[in-house]
Amino acid sequence: IRRRKHGDAGSKLYQVWANMKQRCLNSRNKRYKDWG
């Protein structure tokens, strides 16, 4: 319940945040080589 308190999971801004983290932290992300 505490994790989903913002309720923005489907918003474009939330996707920007999630994608930013994926590019930088997830070595399996196809765009990781250009960021992380």
PDB file of all heavy atoms in Angstrom:
ATOM      1  N   ILE A   1       0.840  -1.203   0.000  1.00  0.00           N
ATOM      2  CA  ILE A   1       0.000   0.000   0.000  1.00  0.00           C
ATOM      3  C   ILE A   1       0.871   1.247   0.000  1.00  0.00           C
ATOM      4  O   ILE A   1       0.632   2.187  -0.738  1.00  0.00           O
ATOM      5  CB  ILE A   1      -0.960  -0.007   1.215  1.00  0.00           C
ATOM      6  CG1 ILE A   1      -1.998  -1.114   1.041  1.00  0.00           C
ATOM      7  CG2 ILE A   1      -1.620   1.343   1.394  1.00  0.00           C
ATOM      8  CD1 ILE A   1      -2.755  -1.456   2.306  1.00  0.00           C
ATOM      9  N   ARG A   2       1.943   1.252   0.806  1.00  0.00           N
ATOM     10  CA  ARG A   2       2.826   2.407   0.889  1.00  0.00           C
ATOM     11  C   ARG A   2       3.544   2.640  -0.436  1.00  0.00           C
ATOM     12  O   ARG A   2       3.757   3.766  -0.844  1.00  0.00           O
ATOM     13  CB  ARG A   2       3.828   2.206   2.019  1.00  0.00           C
ATOM     14  CG  ARG A   2       4.576   3.451   2.383  1.00  0.00           C
ATOM     15  CD  ARG A   2       5.374   3.319   3.667  1.00  0.00           C
ATOM     16  NE  ARG A   2       6.355   2.261   3.609  1.00  0.00           N
ATOM     17  CZ  ARG A   2       6.405   1.237   4.439  1.00  0.00           C
ATOM     18  NH1 ARG A   2       5.528   1.125   5.414  1.00  0.00           N
ATOM     19  NH2 ARG A   2       7.324   0.306   4.340  1.00  0.00           N
ATOM     20  N   ARG A   3       3.909   1.566  -1.155  1.00  0.00           N
ATOM     21  CA  ARG A   3       4.627   1.703  -2.412  1.00  0.00           C
ATOM     22  C   ARG A   3       3.787   2.352  -3.496  1.00  0.00           C
ATOM     23  O   ARG A   3       4.296   3.017  -4.366  1.00  0.00           O
ATOM     24  CB  ARG A   3       5.089   0.333  -2.900  1.00  0.00           C
ATOM     25  CG  ARG A   3       6.323  -0.137  -2.221  1.00  0.00           C
ATOM     26  CD  ARG A   3       6.835  -1.386  -2.898  1.00  0.00           C
ATOM     27  NE  ARG A   3       7.911  -1.925  -2.118  1.00  0.00           N
ATOM     28  CZ  ARG A   3       8.103  -3.201  -1.904  1.00  0.00           C
ATOM     29  NH1 ARG A   3       7.301  -4.094  -2.431  1.00  0.00           N
ATOM     30  NH2 ARG A   3       9.101  -3.611  -1.170  1.00  0.00           N
ATOM     31  N   ARG A   4       2.488   2.149  -3.484  1.00  0.00           N
ATOM     32  CA  ARG A   4       1.663   2.686  -4.565  1.00  0.00           C
ATOM     33  C   ARG A   4       0.877   3.915  -4.137  1.00  0.00           C
ATOM     34  O   ARG A   4      -0.122   4.262  -4.743  1.00  0.00           O
ATOM     35  CB  ARG A   4       0.732   1.605  -5.106  1.00  0.00           C
ATOM     36  CG  ARG A   4      -0.220   1.023  -4.132  1.00  0.00           C
ATOM     37  CD  ARG A   4      -1.020  -0.090  -4.812  1.00  0.00           C
ATOM     38  NE  ARG A   4      -1.647  -0.906  -3.821  1.00  0.00           N
ATOM     39  CZ  ARG A   4      -2.892  -0.759  -3.407  1.00  0.00           C
ATOM     40  NH1 ARG A   4      -3.654   0.176  -3.887  1.00  0.00           N
ATOM     41  NH2 ARG A   4      -3.382  -1.551  -2.490  1.00  0.00           N
ATOM     42  N   LYS A   5       1.377   4.630  -3.152  1.00  0.00           N
ATOM     43  CA  LYS A   5       0.632   5.756  -2.610  1.00  0.00           C
ATOM     44  C   LYS A   5       0.443   6.903  -3.597  1.00  0.00           C
ATOM     45  O   LYS A   5      -0.507   7.641  -3.516  1.00  0.00           O
ATOM     46  CB  LYS A   5       1.280   6.272  -1.329  1.00  0.00           C
ATOM     47  CG  LYS A   5       2.621   6.927  -1.545  1.00  0.00           C
ATOM     48  CD  LYS A   5       3.208   7.389  -0.245  1.00  0.00           C
ATOM     49  CE  LYS A   5       4.595   7.941  -0.481  1.00  0.00           C
ATOM     50  NZ  LYS A   5       5.282   8.215   0.709  1.00  0.00           N
ATOM     51  N   HIS A   6       1.370   7.072  -4.553  1.00  0.00           N
ATOM     52  CA  HIS A   6       1.253   8.202  -5.459  1.00  0.00           C
ATOM     53  C   HIS A   6       0.170   8.004  -6.512  1.00  0.00           C
ATOM     54  O   HIS A   6      -0.370   8.963  -7.010  1.00  0.00           O
ATOM     55  CB  HIS A   6       2.598   8.510  -6.123  1.00  0.00           C
ATOM     56  CG  HIS A   6       3.203   7.343  -6.801  1.00  0.00           C
ATOM     57  ND1 HIS A   6       2.735   6.833  -7.978  1.00  0.00           N
ATOM     58  CD2 HIS A   6       4.239   6.557  -6.430  1.00  0.00           C
ATOM     59  CE1 HIS A   6       3.466   5.800  -8.326  1.00  0.00           C
ATOM     60  NE2 HIS A   6       4.374   5.597  -7.406  1.00  0.00           N
ATOM     61  N   GLY A   7      -0.120   6.753  -6.888  1.00  0.00           N
ATOM     62  CA  GLY A   7      -1.183   6.476  -7.842  1.00  0.00           C
ATOM     63  C   GLY A   7      -0.885   6.908  -9.266  1.00  0.00           C
ATOM     64  O   GLY A   7      -1.770   6.996 -10.096  1.00  0.00           O
ATOM     65  N   ASP A   8       0.369   7.172  -9.578  1.00  0.00           N
ATOM     66  CA  ASP A   8       0.742   7.666 -10.901  1.00  0.00           C
ATOM     67  C   ASP A   8       1.305   6.581 -11.817  1.00  0.00           C
ATOM     68  O   ASP A   8       1.810   6.894 -12.893  1.00  0.00           O
ATOM     69  CB  ASP A   8       1.819   8.758 -10.776  1.00  0.00           C
ATOM     70  CG  ASP A   8       1.269  10.071 -10.275  1.00  0.00           C
ATOM     71  OD1 ASP A   8       0.041  10.176 -10.087  1.00  0.00           O
ATOM     72  OD2 ASP A   8       2.062  11.001 -10.071  1.00  0.00           O
ATOM     73  N   ALA A   9       1.245   5.323 -11.419  1.00  0.00           N
ATOM     74  CA  ALA A   9       1.941   4.261 -12.154  1.00  0.00           C
ATOM     75  C   ALA A   9       1.653   4.255 -13.648  1.00  0.00           C
ATOM     76  O   ALA A   9       2.513   3.884 -14.433  1.00  0.00           O
ATOM     77  CB  ALA A   9       1.631   2.907 -11.546  1.00  0.00           C
ATOM     78  N   GLY A  10       0.495   4.666 -14.089  1.00  0.00           N
ATOM     79  CA  GLY A  10       0.184   4.659 -15.514  1.00  0.00           C
ATOM     80  C   GLY A  10       0.447   5.981 -16.214  1.00  0.00           C
ATOM     81  O   GLY A  10       0.258   6.087 -17.424  1.00  0.00           O
ATOM     82  N   SER A  11       0.910   6.979 -15.494  1.00  0.00           N
ATOM     83  CA  SER A  11       1.082   8.310 -16.097  1.00  0.00           C
ATOM     84  C   SER A  11       2.348   8.387 -16.950  1.00  0.00           C
ATOM     85  O   SER A  11       3.288   7.615 -16.781  1.00  0.00           O
ATOM     86  CB  SER A  11       1.139   9.383 -15.011  1.00  0.00           C
ATOM     87  OG  SER A  11       2.375   9.301 -14.317  1.00  0.00           O
ATOM     88  N   LYS A  12       2.389   9.359 -17.861  1.00  0.00           N
ATOM     89  CA  LYS A  12       3.565   9.550 -18.710  1.00  0.00           C
ATOM     90  C   LYS A  12       4.783   9.945 -17.884  1.00  0.00           C
ATOM     91  O   LYS A  12       5.890   9.495 -18.153  1.00  0.00           O
ATOM     92  CB  LYS A  12       3.280  10.595 -19.777  1.00  0.00           C
ATOM     93  CG  LYS A  12       2.269  10.114 -20.792  1.00  0.00           C
ATOM     94  CD  LYS A  12       2.253  10.990 -22.016  1.00  0.00           C
ATOM     95  CE  LYS A  12       1.133  10.532 -22.910  1.00  0.00           C
ATOM     96  NZ  LYS A  12       1.534   9.955 -24.137  1.00  0.00           N
ATOM     97  N   LEU A  13       4.589  10.773 -16.856  1.00  0.00           N
ATOM     98  CA  LEU A  13       5.710  11.192 -16.024  1.00  0.00           C
ATOM     99  C   LEU A  13       6.301  10.002 -15.282  1.00  0.00           C
ATOM    100  O   LEU A  13       7.521   9.868 -15.171  1.00  0.00           O
ATOM    101  CB  LEU A  13       5.294  12.289 -15.044  1.00  0.00           C
ATOM    102  CG  LEU A  13       6.419  12.866 -14.186  1.00  0.00           C
ATOM    103  CD1 LEU A  13       7.537  13.445 -15.061  1.00  0.00           C
ATOM    104  CD2 LEU A  13       5.872  13.923 -13.241  1.00  0.00           C
ATOM    105  N   TYR A  14       5.454   9.116 -14.779  1.00  0.00           N
ATOM    106  CA  TYR A  14       5.952   7.924 -14.100  1.00  0.00           C
ATOM    107  C   TYR A  14       6.759   7.069 -15.077  1.00  0.00           C
ATOM    108  O   TYR A  14       7.810   6.525 -14.728  1.00  0.00           O
ATOM    109  CB  TYR A  14       4.801   7.105 -13.510  1.00  0.00           C
ATOM    110  CG  TYR A  14       5.273   5.934 -12.684  1.00  0.00           C
ATOM    111  CD1 TYR A  14       5.574   6.092 -11.342  1.00  0.00           C
ATOM    112  CD2 TYR A  14       5.440   4.681 -13.261  1.00  0.00           C
ATOM    113  CE1 TYR A  14       6.029   5.026 -10.586  1.00  0.00           C
ATOM    114  CE2 TYR A  14       5.888   3.601 -12.513  1.00  0.00           C
ATOM    115  CZ  TYR A  14       6.182   3.783 -11.177  1.00  0.00           C
ATOM    116  OH  TYR A  14       6.642   2.732 -10.436  1.00  0.00           O
ATOM    117  N   GLN A  15       6.303   6.959 -16.323  1.00  0.00           N
ATOM    118  CA  GLN A  15       7.031   6.188 -17.330  1.00  0.00           C
ATOM    119  C   GLN A  15       8.394   6.812 -17.624  1.00  0.00           C
ATOM    120  O   GLN A  15       9.381   6.099 -17.824  1.00  0.00           O
ATOM    121  CB  GLN A  15       6.210   6.056 -18.613  1.00  0.00           C
ATOM    122  CG  GLN A  15       5.025   5.126 -18.476  1.00  0.00           C
ATOM    123  CD  GLN A  15       5.431   3.740 -17.994  1.00  0.00           C
ATOM    124  OE1 GLN A  15       6.331   3.121 -18.538  1.00  0.00           O
ATOM    125  NE2 GLN A  15       4.766   3.261 -16.955  1.00  0.00           N
ATOM    126  N   VAL A  16       8.469   8.138 -17.647  1.00  0.00           N
ATOM    127  CA  VAL A  16       9.755   8.823 -17.839  1.00  0.00           C
ATOM    128  C   VAL A  16      10.711   8.405 -16.728  1.00  0.00           C
ATOM    129  O   VAL A  16      11.873   8.049 -16.977  1.00  0.00           O
ATOM    130  CB  VAL A  16       9.578  10.370 -17.847  1.00  0.00           C
ATOM    131  CG1 VAL A  16      10.918  11.081 -17.746  1.00  0.00           C
ATOM    132  CG2 VAL A  16       8.814  10.810 -19.076  1.00  0.00           C
ATOM    133  N   TRP A  17      10.234   8.439 -15.490  1.00  0.00           N
ATOM    134  CA  TRP A  17      11.052   8.075 -14.327  1.00  0.00           C
ATOM    135  C   TRP A  17      11.488   6.616 -14.394  1.00  0.00           C
ATOM    136  O   TRP A  17      12.664   6.298 -14.222  1.00  0.00           O
ATOM    137  CB  TRP A  17      10.246   8.355 -13.053  1.00  0.00           C
ATOM    138  CG  TRP A  17      10.919   7.997 -11.777  1.00  0.00           C
ATOM    139  CD1 TRP A  17      11.973   8.643 -11.192  1.00  0.00           C
ATOM    140  CD2 TRP A  17      10.567   6.925 -10.888  1.00  0.00           C
ATOM    141  NE1 TRP A  17      12.291   8.037  -9.998  1.00  0.00           N
ATOM    142  CE2 TRP A  17      11.439   6.986  -9.800  1.00  0.00           C
ATOM    143  CE3 TRP A  17       9.585   5.940 -10.918  1.00  0.00           C
ATOM    144  CZ2 TRP A  17      11.376   6.083  -8.741  1.00  0.00           C
ATOM    145  CZ3 TRP A  17       9.522   5.037  -9.867  1.00  0.00           C
ATOM    146  CH2 TRP A  17      10.408   5.112  -8.790  1.00  0.00           C
ATOM    147  N   ALA A  18      10.549   5.723 -14.675  1.00  0.00           N
ATOM    148  CA  ALA A  18      10.851   4.288 -14.734  1.00  0.00           C
ATOM    149  C   ALA A  18      11.826   3.986 -15.877  1.00  0.00           C
ATOM    150  O   ALA A  18      12.782   3.222 -15.695  1.00  0.00           O
ATOM    151  CB  ALA A  18       9.561   3.489 -14.900  1.00  0.00           C
ATOM    152  N   ASN A  19      11.622   4.587 -17.039  1.00  0.00           N
ATOM    153  CA  ASN A  19      12.506   4.353 -18.181  1.00  0.00           C
ATOM    154  C   ASN A  19      13.905   4.894 -17.929  1.00  0.00           C
ATOM    155  O   ASN A  19      14.899   4.282 -18.327  1.00  0.00           O
ATOM    156  CB  ASN A  19      11.919   4.955 -19.453  1.00  0.00           C
ATOM    157  CG  ASN A  19      10.684   4.220 -19.919  1.00  0.00           C
ATOM    158  OD1 ASN A  19      10.460   3.067 -19.578  1.00  0.00           O
ATOM    159  ND2 ASN A  19       9.862   4.895 -20.705  1.00  0.00           N
ATOM    160  N   MET A  20      13.998   6.043 -17.271  1.00  0.00           N
ATOM    161  CA  MET A  20      15.285   6.630 -16.928  1.00  0.00           C
ATOM    162  C   MET A  20      16.079   5.655 -16.049  1.00  0.00           C
ATOM    163  O   MET A  20      17.261   5.394 -16.296  1.00  0.00           O
ATOM    164  CB  MET A  20      15.056   7.961 -16.194  1.00  0.00           C
ATOM    165  CG  MET A  20      16.263   8.585 -15.564  1.00  0.00           C
ATOM    166  SD  MET A  20      15.852  10.106 -14.651  1.00  0.00           S
ATOM    167  CE  MET A  20      14.819   9.495 -13.327  1.00  0.00           C
ATOM    168  N   LYS A  21      15.428   5.090 -15.062  1.00  0.00           N
ATOM    169  CA  LYS A  21      16.096   4.129 -14.175  1.00  0.00           C
ATOM    170  C   LYS A  21      16.494   2.870 -14.937  1.00  0.00           C
ATOM    171  O   LYS A  21      17.590   2.343 -14.744  1.00  0.00           O
ATOM    172  CB  LYS A  21      15.194   3.772 -12.992  1.00  0.00           C
ATOM    173  CG  LYS A  21      14.968   4.944 -12.070  1.00  0.00           C
ATOM    174  CD  LYS A  21      14.312   4.598 -10.749  1.00  0.00           C
ATOM    175  CE  LYS A  21      13.328   3.485 -10.781  1.00  0.00           C
ATOM    176  NZ  LYS A  21      12.823   3.097  -9.473  1.00  0.00           N
ATOM    177  N   GLN A  22      15.620   2.385 -15.816  1.00  0.00           N
ATOM    178  CA  GLN A  22      15.929   1.183 -16.601  1.00  0.00           C
ATOM    179  C   GLN A  22      17.167   1.395 -17.475  1.00  0.00           C
ATOM    180  O   GLN A  22      18.050   0.543 -17.516  1.00  0.00           O
ATOM    181  CB  GLN A  22      14.739   0.804 -17.484  1.00  0.00           C
ATOM    182  CG  GLN A  22      13.621   0.115 -16.755  1.00  0.00           C
ATOM    183  CD  GLN A  22      14.021  -1.265 -16.299  1.00  0.00           C
ATOM    184  OE1 GLN A  22      14.563  -2.065 -17.055  1.00  0.00           O
ATOM    185  NE2 GLN A  22      13.759  -1.560 -15.043  1.00  0.00           N
ATOM    186  N   ARG A  23      17.238   2.516 -18.187  1.00  0.00           N
ATOM    187  CA  ARG A  23      18.378   2.785 -19.073  1.00  0.00           C
ATOM    188  C   ARG A  23      19.691   2.832 -18.308  1.00  0.00           C
ATOM    189  O   ARG A  23      20.731   2.451 -18.826  1.00  0.00           O
ATOM    190  CB  ARG A  23      18.193   4.124 -19.800  1.00  0.00           C
ATOM    191  CG  ARG A  23      17.122   4.137 -20.848  1.00  0.00           C
ATOM    192  CD  ARG A  23      17.158   5.427 -21.649  1.00  0.00           C
ATOM    193  NE  ARG A  23      17.021   6.631 -20.862  1.00  0.00           N
ATOM    194  CZ  ARG A  23      15.888   7.269 -20.618  1.00  0.00           C
ATOM    195  NH1 ARG A  23      14.757   6.805 -21.105  1.00  0.00           N
ATOM    196  NH2 ARG A  23      15.868   8.378 -19.915  1.00  0.00           N
ATOM    197  N   CYS A  24      19.635   3.303 -17.066  1.00  0.00           N
ATOM    198  CA  CYS A  24      20.858   3.491 -16.297  1.00  0.00           C
ATOM    199  C   CYS A  24      21.234   2.289 -15.433  1.00  0.00           C
ATOM    200  O   CYS A  24      22.411   2.106 -15.130  1.00  0.00           O
ATOM    201  CB  CYS A  24      20.717   4.714 -15.387  1.00  0.00           C
ATOM    202  SG  CYS A  24      20.612   6.256 -16.301  1.00  0.00           S
ATOM    203  N   LEU A  25      20.269   1.484 -15.034  1.00  0.00           N
ATOM    204  CA  LEU A  25      20.546   0.451 -14.034  1.00  0.00           C
ATOM    205  C   LEU A  25      20.373  -0.990 -14.511  1.00  0.00           C
ATOM    206  O   LEU A  25      20.959  -1.891 -13.933  1.00  0.00           O
ATOM    207  CB  LEU A  25      19.645   0.675 -12.818  1.00  0.00           C
ATOM    208  CG  LEU A  25      19.743   2.051 -12.173  1.00  0.00           C
ATOM    209  CD1 LEU A  25      18.673   2.215 -11.121  1.00  0.00           C
ATOM    210  CD2 LEU A  25      21.121   2.266 -11.593  1.00  0.00           C
ATOM    211  N   ASN A  26      19.578  -1.207 -15.533  1.00  0.00           N
ATOM    212  CA  ASN A  26      19.271  -2.566 -15.960  1.00  0.00           C
ATOM    213  C   ASN A  26      20.138  -2.954 -17.150  1.00  0.00           C
ATOM    214  O   ASN A  26      19.885  -2.547 -18.281  1.00  0.00           O
ATOM    215  CB  ASN A  26      17.790  -2.688 -16.325  1.00  0.00           C
ATOM    216  CG  ASN A  26      17.398  -4.088 -16.706  1.00  0.00           C
ATOM    217  OD1 ASN A  26      18.225  -4.995 -16.779  1.00  0.00           O
ATOM    218  ND2 ASN A  26      16.112  -4.292 -16.946  1.00  0.00           N
ATOM    219  N   SER A  27      21.148  -3.773 -16.909  1.00  0.00           N
ATOM    220  CA  SER A  27      22.081  -4.151 -17.972  1.00  0.00           C
ATOM    221  C   SER A  27      21.408  -4.956 -19.081  1.00  0.00           C
ATOM    222  O   SER A  27      21.967  -5.100 -20.159  1.00  0.00           O
ATOM    223  CB  SER A  27      23.259  -4.934 -17.394  1.00  0.00           C
ATOM    224  OG  SER A  27      22.798  -6.108 -16.768  1.00  0.00           O
ATOM    225  N   ARG A  28      20.207  -5.472 -18.837  1.00  0.00           N
ATOM    226  CA  ARG A  28      19.473  -6.201 -19.876  1.00  0.00           C
ATOM    227  C   ARG A  28      18.624  -5.266 -20.752  1.00  0.00           C
ATOM    228  O   ARG A  28      18.074  -5.695 -21.753  1.00  0.00           O
ATOM    229  CB  ARG A  28      18.591  -7.279 -19.251  1.00  0.00           C
ATOM    230  CG  ARG A  28      19.421  -8.397 -18.635  1.00  0.00           C
ATOM    231  CD  ARG A  28      18.546  -9.484 -18.121  1.00  0.00           C
ATOM    232  NE  ARG A  28      17.531  -8.973 -17.223  1.00  0.00           N
ATOM    233  CZ  ARG A  28      17.248  -9.453 -16.033  1.00  0.00           C
ATOM    234  NH1 ARG A  28      17.900 -10.480 -15.576  1.00  0.00           N
ATOM    235  NH2 ARG A  28      16.310  -8.925 -15.293  1.00  0.00           N
ATOM    236  N   ASN A  29      18.531  -4.005 -20.378  1.00  0.00           N
ATOM    237  CA  ASN A  29      17.789  -3.035 -21.175  1.00  0.00           C
ATOM    238  C   ASN A  29      18.550  -2.779 -22.474  1.00  0.00           C
ATOM    239  O   ASN A  29      19.768  -2.582 -22.462  1.00  0.00           O
ATOM    240  CB  ASN A  29      17.617  -1.729 -20.387  1.00  0.00           C
ATOM    241  CG  ASN A  29      16.768  -0.712 -21.101  1.00  0.00           C
ATOM    242  OD1 ASN A  29      17.171  -0.154 -22.111  1.00  0.00           O
ATOM    243  ND2 ASN A  29      15.591  -0.459 -20.571  1.00  0.00           N
ATOM    244  N   LYS A  30      17.836  -2.771 -23.607  1.00  0.00           N
ATOM    245  CA  LYS A  30      18.508  -2.635 -24.905  1.00  0.00           C
ATOM    246  C   LYS A  30      19.237  -1.303 -25.061  1.00  0.00           C
ATOM    247  O   LYS A  30      20.129  -1.170 -25.889  1.00  0.00           O
ATOM    248  CB  LYS A  30      17.526  -2.862 -26.053  1.00  0.00           C
ATOM    249  CG  LYS A  30      16.443  -1.814 -26.159  1.00  0.00           C
ATOM    250  CD  LYS A  30      15.483  -2.122 -27.286  1.00  0.00           C
ATOM    251  CE  LYS A  30      14.407  -1.058 -27.371  1.00  0.00           C
ATOM    252  NZ  LYS A  30      13.486  -1.311 -28.453  1.00  0.00           N
ATOM    253  N   ARG A  31      18.874  -0.303 -24.257  1.00  0.00           N
ATOM    254  CA  ARG A  31      19.525   1.010 -24.358  1.00  0.00           C
ATOM    255  C   ARG A  31      20.544   1.257 -23.243  1.00  0.00           C
ATOM    256  O   ARG A  31      21.115   2.339 -23.154  1.00  0.00           O
ATOM    257  CB  ARG A  31      18.448   2.086 -24.373  1.00  0.00           C
ATOM    258  CG  ARG A  31      17.471   1.830 -25.551  1.00  0.00           C
ATOM    259  CD  ARG A  31      16.425   2.849 -25.696  1.00  0.00           C
ATOM    260  NE  ARG A  31      17.037   4.067 -26.231  1.00  0.00           N
ATOM    261  CZ  ARG A  31      16.399   5.222 -26.259  1.00  0.00           C
ATOM    262  NH1 ARG A  31      15.186   5.328 -25.779  1.00  0.00           N
ATOM    263  NH2 ARG A  31      16.990   6.281 -26.756  1.00  0.00           N
ATOM    264  N   TYR A  32      20.783   0.251 -22.412  1.00  0.00           N
ATOM    265  CA  TYR A  32      21.713   0.373 -21.281  1.00  0.00           C
ATOM    266  C   TYR A  32      23.106   0.814 -21.742  1.00  0.00           C
ATOM    267  O   TYR A  32      23.737   1.638 -21.100  1.00  0.00           O
ATOM    268  CB  TYR A  32      21.795  -0.953 -20.532  1.00  0.00           C
ATOM    269  CG  TYR A  32      22.814  -0.974 -19.426  1.00  0.00           C
ATOM    270  CD1 TYR A  32      22.516  -0.438 -18.173  1.00  0.00           C
ATOM    271  CD2 TYR A  32      24.081  -1.522 -19.619  1.00  0.00           C
ATOM    272  CE1 TYR A  32      23.442  -0.454 -17.151  1.00  0.00           C
ATOM    273  CE2 TYR A  32      25.012  -1.537 -18.604  1.00  0.00           C
ATOM    274  CZ  TYR A  32      24.693  -1.005 -17.372  1.00  0.00           C
ATOM    275  OH  TYR A  32      25.620  -1.015 -16.366  1.00  0.00           O
ATOM    276  N   LYS A  33      23.597   0.276 -22.851  1.00  0.00           N
ATOM    277  CA  LYS A  33      24.962   0.580 -23.307  1.00  0.00           C
ATOM    278  C   LYS A  33      25.187   2.084 -23.496  1.00  0.00           C
ATOM    279  O   LYS A  33      26.293   2.574 -23.306  1.00  0.00           O
ATOM    280  CB  LYS A  33      25.291  -0.186 -24.582  1.00  0.00           C
ATOM    281  CG  LYS A  33      24.488   0.208 -25.797  1.00  0.00           C
ATOM    282  CD  LYS A  33      24.920  -0.590 -27.020  1.00  0.00           C
ATOM    283  CE  LYS A  33      24.092  -0.390 -28.239  1.00  0.00           C
ATOM    284  NZ  LYS A  33      23.515   0.884 -28.521  1.00  0.00           N
ATOM    285  N   ASP A  34      24.145   2.809 -23.857  1.00  0.00           N
ATOM    286  CA  ASP A  34      24.276   4.246 -24.087  1.00  0.00           C
ATOM    287  C   ASP A  34      24.110   5.094 -22.826  1.00  0.00           C
ATOM    288  O   ASP A  34      24.350   6.296 -22.861  1.00  0.00           O
ATOM    289  CB  ASP A  34      23.247   4.704 -25.136  1.00  0.00           C
ATOM    290  CG  ASP A  34      23.502   4.072 -26.489  1.00  0.00           C
ATOM    291  OD1 ASP A  34      24.677   3.967 -26.881  1.00  0.00           O
ATOM    292  OD2 ASP A  34      22.521   3.661 -27.153  1.00  0.00           O
ATOM    293  N   TRP A  35      23.673   4.489 -21.745  1.00  0.00           N
ATOM    294  CA  TRP A  35      23.490   5.221 -20.480  1.00  0.00           C
ATOM    295  C   TRP A  35      24.290   4.555 -19.365  1.00  0.00           C
ATOM    296  O   TRP A  35      25.396   4.970 -19.080  1.00  0.00           O
ATOM    297  CB  TRP A  35      22.005   5.319 -20.116  1.00  0.00           C
ATOM    298  CG  TRP A  35      21.300   6.422 -20.848  1.00  0.00           C
ATOM    299  CD1 TRP A  35      21.177   7.719 -20.440  1.00  0.00           C
ATOM    300  CD2 TRP A  35      20.659   6.338 -22.122  1.00  0.00           C
ATOM    301  NE1 TRP A  35      20.485   8.444 -21.385  1.00  0.00           N
ATOM    302  CE2 TRP A  35      20.159   7.624 -22.433  1.00  0.00           C
ATOM    303  CE3 TRP A  35      20.452   5.322 -23.043  1.00  0.00           C
ATOM    304  CZ2 TRP A  35      19.471   7.908 -23.599  1.00  0.00           C
ATOM    305  CZ3 TRP A  35      19.767   5.598 -24.205  1.00  0.00           C
ATOM    306  CH2 TRP A  35      19.290   6.873 -24.474  1.00  0.00           C
ATOM    307  N   GLY A  36      23.721   3.571 -18.739  1.00  0.00           N
ATOM    308  CA  GLY A  36      24.410   2.891 -17.635  1.00  0.00           C
ATOM    309  C   GLY A  36      25.748   2.318 -18.044  1.00  0.00           C
ATOM    310  O   GLY A  36      26.711   2.344 -17.276  1.00  0.00           O
TER     311      GLY A  36
END
